[in-house]
Amino acid sequence: MLEGPRVRFDIMNIMIKKKKYKFQVDLELEELTAVPFVNAVLFSKVHLLDGGKFVDHSSREEVRDHTVKWSARMSFCAKMTAPPSTGVLDPCVCRVSVRKMGRHVISGRTQPSVSTKR
């Protein structure tokens, strides 16, 4: 008599859900140094990619001595999950992009990103 492969279903693996956690994030954006521009107006855009919906931007500041100082504070709630077997939190990515103001703003197009950091 021939037997097919045996499949064992572990009902416990199906029932286990990831634990959910909420964190209050206080982000302080201070300054950007070694800016290659001499005459430019820069601002930064913060976007929470995982764990919630948050988008905000800093004030627009001029480059002085190859440095931009924002001193911006942003506060938002981030949701994270962790498997109960390990308890290690899953990644929660927040992107900070630096953008340069230019003449194209009048035309309604978006500002070009100078740099992005996750």
N, C-alpha and C. Protein backbone atom coordinates (compact mmCIF):
# COMPACT_ATOMS: atom_id res chain seq x y z
N MET A 1 0.84 -1.17 0.00
CA MET A 1 0.00 0.00 0.00
C MET A 1 0.90 1.24 0.00
N LEU A 2 0.65 2.19 -0.91
CA LEU A 2 1.42 3.41 -1.01
C LEU A 2 0.77 4.50 -0.17
N GLU A 3 1.63 5.30 0.47
CA GLU A 3 1.14 6.42 1.29
C GLU A 3 1.72 7.72 0.75
N GLY A 4 0.93 8.76 0.73
CA GLY A 4 1.40 10.07 0.31
C GLY A 4 2.16 10.76 1.44
N PRO A 5 2.74 11.90 1.16
CA PRO A 5 3.46 12.62 2.22
C PRO A 5 2.49 13.06 3.32
N ARG A 6 2.99 13.01 4.50
CA ARG A 6 2.15 13.39 5.65
C ARG A 6 2.32 14.89 5.93
N VAL A 7 1.21 15.56 6.08
CA VAL A 7 1.21 16.99 6.38
C VAL A 7 0.63 17.16 7.76
N ARG A 8 1.40 17.81 8.62
CA ARG A 8 0.94 18.03 9.99
C ARG A 8 0.63 19.51 10.17
N PHE A 9 -0.59 19.81 10.52
CA PHE A 9 -0.99 21.18 10.78
C PHE A 9 -0.90 21.44 12.27
N ASP A 10 -0.14 22.44 12.62
CA ASP A 10 -0.07 22.83 14.01
C ASP A 10 -1.00 24.02 14.19
N ILE A 11 -2.13 23.79 14.81
CA ILE A 11 -3.15 24.82 14.95
C ILE A 11 -2.62 26.00 15.75
N MET A 12 -1.68 25.81 16.62
CA MET A 12 -1.13 26.89 17.44
C MET A 12 -0.36 27.90 16.59
N ASN A 13 0.34 27.45 15.54
CA ASN A 13 1.08 28.38 14.70
C ASN A 13 0.15 29.32 13.93
N ILE A 14 -1.03 28.83 13.60
CA ILE A 14 -1.98 29.66 12.88
C ILE A 14 -2.60 30.69 13.82
N MET A 15 -2.82 30.34 15.06
CA MET A 15 -3.51 31.19 16.01
C MET A 15 -2.63 32.30 16.60
N ILE A 16 -1.31 32.14 16.56
CA ILE A 16 -0.42 33.12 17.19
C ILE A 16 -0.37 34.38 16.34
N LYS A 17 -0.66 35.52 16.97
CA LYS A 17 -0.60 36.81 16.28
C LYS A 17 0.52 37.64 16.88
N LYS A 18 1.01 38.56 16.09
CA LYS A 18 2.06 39.45 16.58
C LYS A 18 1.47 40.43 17.59
N LYS A 19 2.27 40.72 18.60
CA LYS A 19 1.85 41.72 19.58
C LYS A 19 2.03 43.11 18.99
N LYS A 20 1.13 44.02 19.33
CA LYS A 20 1.17 45.37 18.80
C LYS A 20 1.59 46.34 19.90
N TYR A 21 2.45 47.27 19.53
CA TYR A 21 2.94 48.27 20.46
C TYR A 21 2.81 49.65 19.82
N LYS A 22 2.56 50.66 20.64
CA LYS A 22 2.52 52.04 20.18
C LYS A 22 3.60 52.83 20.93
N PHE A 23 4.30 53.67 20.20
CA PHE A 23 5.34 54.51 20.78
C PHE A 23 5.10 55.96 20.39
N GLN A 24 5.33 56.85 21.31
CA GLN A 24 5.31 58.28 21.01
C GLN A 24 6.72 58.67 20.62
N VAL A 25 6.90 59.14 19.41
CA VAL A 25 8.22 59.50 18.88
C VAL A 25 8.36 61.01 18.90
N ASP A 26 9.45 61.49 19.50
CA ASP A 26 9.79 62.91 19.47
C ASP A 26 11.07 63.04 18.65
N LEU A 27 10.94 63.62 17.47
CA LEU A 27 12.05 63.74 16.54
C LEU A 27 12.53 65.19 16.53
N GLU A 28 13.83 65.39 16.70
CA GLU A 28 14.39 66.73 16.66
C GLU A 28 15.38 66.81 15.51
N LEU A 29 15.09 67.69 14.58
CA LEU A 29 15.93 67.89 13.41
C LEU A 29 16.73 69.16 13.65
N GLU A 30 18.02 69.01 13.93
CA GLU A 30 18.84 70.15 14.33
C GLU A 30 19.46 70.89 13.16
N GLU A 31 20.44 70.25 12.49
CA GLU A 31 21.16 70.95 11.43
C GLU A 31 21.74 69.96 10.44
N LEU A 32 22.13 70.51 9.30
CA LEU A 32 22.81 69.73 8.26
C LEU A 32 24.09 70.47 7.93
N THR A 33 25.21 69.78 8.04
CA THR A 33 26.51 70.41 7.79
C THR A 33 27.10 69.89 6.47
N ALA A 34 28.15 70.54 6.02
CA ALA A 34 28.86 70.18 4.78
C ALA A 34 27.93 70.23 3.57
N VAL A 35 27.09 71.25 3.51
CA VAL A 35 26.18 71.43 2.38
C VAL A 35 26.98 71.99 1.20
N PRO A 36 26.91 71.36 0.02
CA PRO A 36 27.73 71.81 -1.10
C PRO A 36 27.22 73.08 -1.79
N PHE A 37 26.07 73.60 -1.38
CA PHE A 37 25.51 74.79 -2.00
C PHE A 37 25.95 76.05 -1.26
N VAL A 38 26.10 77.15 -2.00
CA VAL A 38 26.45 78.43 -1.39
C VAL A 38 25.19 79.26 -1.20
N ASN A 39 24.42 79.41 -2.26
CA ASN A 39 23.16 80.16 -2.20
C ASN A 39 22.01 79.19 -2.46
N ALA A 40 21.35 78.77 -1.41
CA ALA A 40 20.23 77.86 -1.57
C ALA A 40 19.32 77.96 -0.36
N VAL A 41 18.07 77.60 -0.56
CA VAL A 41 17.10 77.51 0.53
C VAL A 41 16.68 76.04 0.60
N LEU A 42 16.90 75.44 1.75
CA LEU A 42 16.61 74.01 1.93
C LEU A 42 15.55 73.81 3.00
N PHE A 43 14.81 72.73 2.87
CA PHE A 43 13.91 72.28 3.92
C PHE A 43 13.93 70.76 3.93
N SER A 44 13.47 70.17 5.01
CA SER A 44 13.45 68.71 5.10
C SER A 44 12.02 68.23 5.22
N LYS A 45 11.80 67.04 4.71
CA LYS A 45 10.49 66.41 4.76
C LYS A 45 10.64 65.08 5.49
N VAL A 46 9.81 64.87 6.51
CA VAL A 46 9.86 63.64 7.31
C VAL A 46 8.61 62.83 6.97
N HIS A 47 8.82 61.55 6.64
CA HIS A 47 7.72 60.68 6.22
C HIS A 47 7.87 59.33 6.93
N LEU A 48 6.87 58.95 7.72
CA LEU A 48 6.86 57.64 8.38
C LEU A 48 6.38 56.62 7.37
N LEU A 49 7.26 55.68 6.98
CA LEU A 49 6.93 54.72 5.94
C LEU A 49 6.19 53.51 6.50
N ASP A 50 6.58 53.05 7.67
CA ASP A 50 5.94 51.88 8.30
C ASP A 50 5.38 52.31 9.65
N GLY A 51 4.32 51.69 10.06
CA GLY A 51 3.82 51.91 11.42
C GLY A 51 2.97 53.13 11.63
N GLY A 52 2.36 53.64 10.59
CA GLY A 52 1.47 54.77 10.76
C GLY A 52 1.53 55.73 9.58
N LYS A 53 0.77 56.80 9.72
CA LYS A 53 0.72 57.81 8.66
C LYS A 53 1.17 59.14 9.26
N PHE A 54 2.35 59.57 8.87
CA PHE A 54 2.87 60.85 9.33
C PHE A 54 3.73 61.46 8.24
N VAL A 55 3.44 62.69 7.88
CA VAL A 55 4.25 63.46 6.94
C VAL A 55 4.29 64.89 7.45
N ASP A 56 5.48 65.46 7.55
CA ASP A 56 5.63 66.85 7.99
C ASP A 56 6.90 67.40 7.36
N HIS A 57 7.04 68.69 7.38
CA HIS A 57 8.25 69.31 6.83
C HIS A 57 8.73 70.42 7.75
N SER A 58 10.00 70.72 7.65
CA SER A 58 10.61 71.77 8.47
C SER A 58 10.41 73.12 7.80
N SER A 59 10.89 74.15 8.47
CA SER A 59 10.86 75.49 7.88
C SER A 59 11.90 75.58 6.77
N ARG A 60 11.73 76.52 5.90
CA ARG A 60 12.69 76.75 4.82
C ARG A 60 13.77 77.69 5.33
N GLU A 61 15.03 77.23 5.23
CA GLU A 61 16.15 78.00 5.77
C GLU A 61 17.25 78.16 4.72
N GLU A 62 17.94 79.29 4.79
CA GLU A 62 19.05 79.56 3.88
C GLU A 62 20.32 78.85 4.34
N VAL A 63 21.15 78.48 3.37
CA VAL A 63 22.46 77.89 3.66
C VAL A 63 23.40 79.01 4.06
N ARG A 64 24.05 78.87 5.22
CA ARG A 64 25.02 79.86 5.71
C ARG A 64 26.27 79.11 6.17
N ASP A 65 27.39 79.47 5.59
CA ASP A 65 28.66 78.80 5.89
C ASP A 65 28.56 77.29 5.70
N HIS A 66 27.91 76.87 4.63
CA HIS A 66 27.72 75.46 4.27
C HIS A 66 26.98 74.67 5.34
N THR A 67 26.09 75.34 6.08
CA THR A 67 25.31 74.71 7.14
C THR A 67 23.88 75.23 7.09
N VAL A 68 22.93 74.35 7.36
CA VAL A 68 21.53 74.73 7.48
C VAL A 68 21.08 74.35 8.89
N LYS A 69 20.50 75.31 9.62
CA LYS A 69 20.03 75.06 10.98
C LYS A 69 18.51 75.16 11.01
N TRP A 70 17.87 74.05 11.38
CA TRP A 70 16.41 74.02 11.44
C TRP A 70 15.89 74.10 12.87
N SER A 71 16.45 73.33 13.77
CA SER A 71 15.96 73.21 15.15
C SER A 71 14.45 72.92 15.17
N ALA A 72 14.04 71.99 14.34
CA ALA A 72 12.62 71.62 14.23
C ALA A 72 12.31 70.42 15.12
N ARG A 73 11.16 70.46 15.75
CA ARG A 73 10.70 69.35 16.59
C ARG A 73 9.40 68.81 16.02
N MET A 74 9.34 67.49 15.91
CA MET A 74 8.15 66.82 15.40
C MET A 74 7.80 65.68 16.34
N SER A 75 6.52 65.49 16.55
CA SER A 75 6.05 64.44 17.46
C SER A 75 4.95 63.65 16.76
N PHE A 76 5.06 62.33 16.82
CA PHE A 76 4.06 61.47 16.18
C PHE A 76 4.02 60.11 16.86
N CYS A 77 2.97 59.36 16.58
CA CYS A 77 2.78 58.02 17.15
C CYS A 77 3.19 56.99 16.10
N ALA A 78 4.01 56.03 16.51
CA ALA A 78 4.45 54.95 15.62
C ALA A 78 3.96 53.62 16.18
N LYS A 79 3.38 52.81 15.30
CA LYS A 79 2.89 51.49 15.70
C LYS A 79 3.89 50.44 15.24
N MET A 80 4.25 49.54 16.15
CA MET A 80 5.20 48.49 15.82
C MET A 80 4.66 47.16 16.28
N THR A 81 5.13 46.08 15.66
CA THR A 81 4.71 44.73 16.03
C THR A 81 5.93 43.90 16.39
N ALA A 82 5.68 42.82 17.14
CA ALA A 82 6.74 41.89 17.51
C ALA A 82 6.15 40.50 17.62
N PRO A 83 6.83 39.48 17.08
CA PRO A 83 6.34 38.12 17.25
C PRO A 83 6.48 37.70 18.72
N PRO A 84 5.48 37.04 19.27
CA PRO A 84 5.56 36.68 20.69
C PRO A 84 6.66 35.66 21.00
N SER A 85 7.10 34.92 19.99
CA SER A 85 8.15 33.92 20.23
C SER A 85 9.49 34.56 20.55
N THR A 86 9.80 35.71 19.90
CA THR A 86 11.10 36.35 20.14
C THR A 86 10.98 37.65 20.92
N GLY A 87 9.90 38.38 20.71
CA GLY A 87 9.73 39.68 21.36
C GLY A 87 10.55 40.79 20.74
N VAL A 88 11.20 40.52 19.61
CA VAL A 88 12.02 41.52 18.93
C VAL A 88 11.11 42.36 18.03
N LEU A 89 11.19 43.67 18.17
CA LEU A 89 10.34 44.56 17.39
C LEU A 89 10.69 44.52 15.90
N ASP A 90 9.65 44.55 15.08
CA ASP A 90 9.85 44.65 13.63
C ASP A 90 10.29 46.07 13.30
N PRO A 91 11.00 46.26 12.18
CA PRO A 91 11.48 47.61 11.83
C PRO A 91 10.34 48.59 11.59
N CYS A 92 10.61 49.84 11.91
CA CYS A 92 9.68 50.94 11.66
C CYS A 92 10.52 52.04 11.02
N VAL A 93 10.33 52.26 9.72
CA VAL A 93 11.21 53.14 8.95
C VAL A 93 10.63 54.55 8.83
N CYS A 94 11.48 55.52 9.10
CA CYS A 94 11.12 56.93 8.97
C CYS A 94 12.13 57.55 8.00
N ARG A 95 11.63 58.18 6.92
CA ARG A 95 12.52 58.76 5.92
C ARG A 95 12.59 60.28 6.11
N VAL A 96 13.82 60.80 6.11
CA VAL A 96 14.04 62.24 6.16
C VAL A 96 14.71 62.63 4.86
N SER A 97 14.04 63.45 4.06
CA SER A 97 14.64 63.90 2.80
C SER A 97 14.86 65.40 2.87
N VAL A 98 15.97 65.84 2.29
CA VAL A 98 16.32 67.26 2.25
C VAL A 98 16.01 67.75 0.84
N ARG A 99 15.27 68.84 0.76
CA ARG A 99 14.83 69.36 -0.54
C ARG A 99 15.26 70.81 -0.72
N LYS A 100 15.51 71.17 -1.96
CA LYS A 100 16.00 72.50 -2.31
C LYS A 100 14.87 73.29 -2.97
N MET A 101 14.66 74.50 -2.50
CA MET A 101 13.68 75.38 -3.12
C MET A 101 14.27 75.94 -4.41
N GLY A 102 13.42 76.19 -5.40
CA GLY A 102 13.90 76.71 -6.66
C GLY A 102 12.80 77.42 -7.41
N ARG A 103 13.10 77.88 -8.63
CA ARG A 103 12.13 78.60 -9.44
C ARG A 103 10.98 77.72 -9.88
N HIS A 104 11.18 76.41 -9.94
CA HIS A 104 10.15 75.50 -10.43
C HIS A 104 8.95 75.39 -9.48
N VAL A 105 9.06 75.94 -8.27
CA VAL A 105 7.95 75.88 -7.32
C VAL A 105 6.73 76.62 -7.88
N ILE A 106 6.96 77.67 -8.64
CA ILE A 106 5.87 78.46 -9.22
C ILE A 106 5.06 77.60 -10.20
N SER A 107 5.74 76.71 -10.91
CA SER A 107 5.05 75.88 -11.90
C SER A 107 4.24 74.76 -11.26
N GLY A 108 4.39 74.55 -9.97
CA GLY A 108 3.60 73.53 -9.27
C GLY A 108 4.26 72.17 -9.20
N ARG A 109 5.44 72.02 -9.76
CA ARG A 109 6.13 70.74 -9.67
C ARG A 109 6.74 70.56 -8.29
N THR A 110 7.01 69.34 -7.91
CA THR A 110 7.59 69.07 -6.59
C THR A 110 9.05 69.47 -6.55
N GLN A 111 9.54 69.71 -5.36
CA GLN A 111 10.93 70.11 -5.18
C GLN A 111 11.84 68.88 -5.34
N PRO A 112 13.00 69.07 -5.97
CA PRO A 112 13.92 67.94 -6.13
C PRO A 112 14.55 67.57 -4.79
N SER A 113 14.70 66.29 -4.56
CA SER A 113 15.32 65.82 -3.32
C SER A 113 16.83 65.91 -3.43
N VAL A 114 17.45 66.55 -2.46
CA VAL A 114 18.89 66.68 -2.43
C VAL A 114 19.52 65.43 -1.83
N SER A 115 18.96 64.94 -0.73
CA SER A 115 19.44 63.70 -0.13
C SER A 115 18.32 63.07 0.68
N THR A 116 18.43 61.77 0.87
CA THR A 116 17.44 61.02 1.62
C THR A 116 18.14 60.09 2.59
N LYS A 117 17.63 60.02 3.81
CA LYS A 117 18.21 59.14 4.84
C LYS A 117 17.09 58.39 5.50
N ARG A 118 17.24 57.09 5.64
CA ARG A 118 16.23 56.26 6.33
C ARG A 118 16.77 55.83 7.65
